[in-house]
Amino acid sequence: MSAAPLPAAAPLLVETAVAAAVTPLAMRDALGRYATGVTIVTCLDAELGRVGLSFSSFNALSLTPPLVLWSLRRESSLLAAFQRTAHFAVNVLAANQLALSRRFATRREDKFDEGVWRPGASGAPLLDGSVAIFECETATRQEAGDHVLFIGRVLALAHGPAAMPPLVYQKGHYHGLGEQL
């Protein structure tokens, strides 16, 4: 009995850029096809107090030891705050927290006036109603391109019910999670 032939690969709709032609715009456009969860990363800074920003650049790195990573543009006005503190928290947003994500994507100073916030073990703000929360100690920081990578050792975590829908970001827009396949 012979094996069934493999289906032909779908043709690429857009020609792949060669390394010399990978511009920031082409990179952003291609990365935008990848759907990510949305987070608010927070810390408690000695100079600025509570600090937080919306991010979709959050990933799991290791289960043993428990490590996560996220990245922040080197041009960010809040980079120094995250570099000064030894701890941060990652609040994974639920679909009903879209307004908070937009709020924390701005430079406004009253970001924490919305939502129910409480201090974590290190003082980093934790958002009630999040899909998941990771309280972390910064293990390493590494400059990479135009960003700084923060790798955090997870010290504590919490999560909501499995049925709680997360907020998703893709192609420059927010989405809810679609039907399970």
Protein backbone atom coordinates (compact mmCIF):
# COMPACT_ATOMS: atom_id res chain seq x y z
CA MET A 1 0.00 0.00 0.00
CA SER A 2 1.49 3.33 -0.98
CA ALA A 3 1.20 6.52 1.02
CA ALA A 4 -1.10 9.25 -0.23
CA PRO A 5 0.75 12.12 -1.90
CA LEU A 6 1.26 15.22 0.18
CA PRO A 7 -0.87 18.20 -0.85
CA ALA A 8 0.92 20.90 -2.77
CA ALA A 9 2.04 23.81 -0.64
CA ALA A 10 -0.09 26.90 -0.97
CA PRO A 11 1.67 29.53 -3.04
CA LEU A 12 2.81 32.65 -1.25
CA LEU A 13 0.55 35.57 -2.03
CA VAL A 14 3.27 38.14 -1.50
CA GLU A 15 6.83 37.64 -2.61
CA THR A 16 9.20 36.96 0.28
CA ALA A 17 11.60 39.81 0.92
CA VAL A 18 15.28 39.03 0.72
CA ALA A 19 17.42 39.99 3.72
CA ALA A 20 18.72 43.20 2.12
CA ALA A 21 15.15 44.37 1.46
CA VAL A 22 13.68 43.64 4.90
CA THR A 23 12.59 47.11 5.89
CA PRO A 24 10.97 48.01 9.22
CA LEU A 25 7.65 48.44 7.38
CA ALA A 26 7.90 45.02 5.69
CA MET A 27 8.87 43.43 9.01
CA ARG A 28 5.95 45.09 10.84
CA ASP A 29 3.55 44.06 8.07
CA ALA A 30 4.66 40.41 8.18
CA LEU A 31 4.69 40.25 11.99
CA GLY A 32 1.20 41.74 12.03
CA ARG A 33 -0.08 38.48 10.56
CA TYR A 34 0.83 36.76 13.84
CA ALA A 35 -1.94 37.02 16.43
CA THR A 36 -0.83 37.65 19.99
CA GLY A 37 -2.38 38.11 23.37
CA VAL A 38 -2.45 41.58 24.89
CA THR A 39 -0.85 42.41 28.23
CA ILE A 40 -0.21 45.32 30.53
CA VAL A 41 3.29 45.04 31.99
CA THR A 42 3.70 46.93 35.26
CA CYS A 43 6.28 47.74 37.89
CA LEU A 44 6.64 49.92 40.96
CA ASP A 45 9.43 52.42 40.37
CA ALA A 46 11.02 54.38 43.23
CA GLU A 47 10.95 57.61 41.17
CA LEU A 48 7.73 57.36 39.15
CA GLY A 49 5.55 55.13 41.32
CA ARG A 50 3.22 52.77 39.45
CA VAL A 51 4.27 52.29 35.82
CA GLY A 52 2.50 50.31 33.13
CA LEU A 53 2.31 49.87 29.37
CA SER A 54 0.24 47.77 26.94
CA PHE A 55 2.25 45.07 25.16
CA SER A 56 1.78 42.22 22.77
CA SER A 57 5.48 41.26 22.81
CA PHE A 58 5.11 38.76 25.68
CA ASN A 59 6.11 35.10 25.45
CA ALA A 60 6.77 32.01 27.50
CA LEU A 61 10.45 31.11 27.54
CA SER A 62 10.88 28.13 29.89
CA LEU A 63 8.83 25.91 32.18
CA THR A 64 11.84 24.77 34.24
CA PRO A 65 12.82 27.22 35.54
CA PRO A 66 9.64 29.25 34.93
CA LEU A 67 10.72 32.12 32.67
CA VAL A 68 8.86 34.63 30.52
CA LEU A 69 10.09 37.43 28.27
CA TRP A 70 8.89 40.70 26.85
CA SER A 71 10.56 43.54 25.01
CA LEU A 72 10.43 47.31 25.23
CA ARG A 73 11.62 49.86 22.67
CA ARG A 74 14.84 51.56 23.71
CA GLU A 75 13.16 54.89 22.87
CA SER A 76 10.39 54.35 25.45
CA SER A 77 10.14 57.08 28.07
CA LEU A 78 9.49 54.34 30.67
CA LEU A 79 12.50 52.15 29.88
CA ALA A 80 14.52 53.57 32.78
CA ALA A 81 11.74 52.69 35.24
CA PHE A 82 11.76 49.03 34.18
CA GLN A 83 15.57 49.00 34.28
CA ARG A 84 15.67 50.45 37.81
CA THR A 85 13.33 47.89 39.36
CA ALA A 86 14.07 44.24 40.02
CA HIS A 87 10.45 43.09 39.60
CA PHE A 88 7.58 43.41 37.15
CA ALA A 89 4.14 41.92 36.59
CA VAL A 90 2.50 40.79 33.37
CA ASN A 91 -1.29 41.16 33.36
CA VAL A 92 -2.78 39.18 30.44
CA LEU A 93 -5.92 41.03 29.40
CA ALA A 94 -9.41 39.63 28.99
CA ALA A 95 -11.54 40.57 25.98
CA ASN A 96 -13.62 42.91 28.18
CA GLN A 97 -10.47 44.93 29.09
CA LEU A 98 -10.00 46.50 25.65
CA ALA A 99 -10.45 50.04 26.99
CA LEU A 100 -7.66 49.46 29.53
CA SER A 101 -5.31 48.25 26.80
CA ARG A 102 -5.96 51.40 24.82
CA ARG A 103 -5.53 53.54 27.94
CA PHE A 104 -2.14 51.97 28.73
CA ALA A 105 -1.00 52.41 25.12
CA THR A 106 -1.02 56.20 25.67
CA ARG A 107 1.32 58.53 27.55
CA ARG A 108 -1.38 59.71 29.93
CA GLU A 109 -0.38 59.99 33.57
CA ASP A 110 -3.63 58.74 35.13
CA LYS A 111 -3.56 55.25 33.61
CA PHE A 112 -4.24 53.49 36.91
CA ASP A 113 -7.41 55.50 37.58
CA GLU A 114 -9.38 52.86 35.63
CA GLY A 115 -9.58 49.16 36.52
CA VAL A 116 -9.24 47.47 39.90
CA TRP A 117 -5.55 47.39 40.80
CA ARG A 118 -3.81 45.91 43.84
CA PRO A 119 -0.12 45.67 44.71
CA GLY A 120 1.60 42.35 44.15
CA ALA A 121 4.28 40.93 46.45
CA SER A 122 6.91 43.28 44.96
CA GLY A 123 4.51 46.22 44.73
CA ALA A 124 4.01 45.85 40.96
CA PRO A 125 0.34 46.57 40.16
CA LEU A 126 -1.89 43.54 39.49
CA LEU A 127 -5.13 43.94 37.55
CA ASP A 128 -8.21 42.16 38.86
CA GLY A 129 -10.14 40.37 36.12
CA SER A 130 -7.05 39.52 34.08
CA VAL A 131 -6.96 36.21 32.20
CA ALA A 132 -3.60 35.49 33.87
CA ILE A 133 -1.04 37.33 35.99
CA PHE A 134 2.68 36.59 36.24
CA GLU A 135 4.69 38.24 39.04
CA CYS A 136 8.34 38.18 38.04
CA GLU A 137 11.83 39.00 39.19
CA THR A 138 13.99 40.33 36.37
CA ALA A 139 16.52 37.60 35.58
CA THR A 140 18.27 39.41 32.71
CA ARG A 141 18.00 42.41 30.44
CA GLN A 142 19.57 42.33 27.02
CA GLU A 143 19.76 44.96 24.31
CA ALA A 144 18.68 43.54 20.96
CA GLY A 145 18.21 45.82 17.97
CA ASP A 146 15.94 48.72 18.88
CA HIS A 147 14.51 46.92 21.93
CA VAL A 148 15.56 45.71 25.37
CA LEU A 149 14.54 42.13 26.19
CA PHE A 150 13.40 41.52 29.75
CA ILE A 151 13.54 37.92 30.92
CA GLY A 152 11.68 37.35 34.14
CA ARG A 153 11.70 34.45 36.59
CA VAL A 154 8.08 33.81 37.52
CA LEU A 155 7.72 33.98 41.30
CA ALA A 156 3.93 33.75 41.47
CA LEU A 157 1.06 33.38 39.03
CA ALA A 158 -2.70 33.34 38.93
CA HIS A 159 -5.29 32.81 36.22
CA GLY A 160 -9.00 33.14 35.64
CA PRO A 161 -11.38 30.38 34.51
CA ALA A 162 -10.50 28.53 31.29
CA ALA A 163 -13.63 29.92 29.62
CA MET A 164 -12.53 33.56 30.15
CA PRO A 165 -11.82 34.92 26.64
CA PRO A 166 -8.51 36.76 26.16
CA LEU A 167 -7.97 39.97 24.22
CA VAL A 168 -6.11 39.29 20.96
CA TYR A 169 -4.16 41.65 18.67
CA GLN A 170 -3.49 41.04 14.98
CA LYS A 171 -2.84 43.20 11.91
CA GLY A 172 -3.05 46.41 13.94
CA HIS A 173 -6.47 45.64 15.43
CA TYR A 174 -7.94 44.10 18.55
CA HIS A 175 -9.94 40.88 18.25
CA GLY A 176 -11.75 38.46 20.45
CA LEU A 177 -10.71 34.84 20.39
CA GLY A 178 -12.55 32.94 17.68
CA GLU A 179 -14.23 29.57 17.74
CA GLN A 180 -12.15 26.65 19.02
CA LEU A 181 -11.00 24.42 16.14
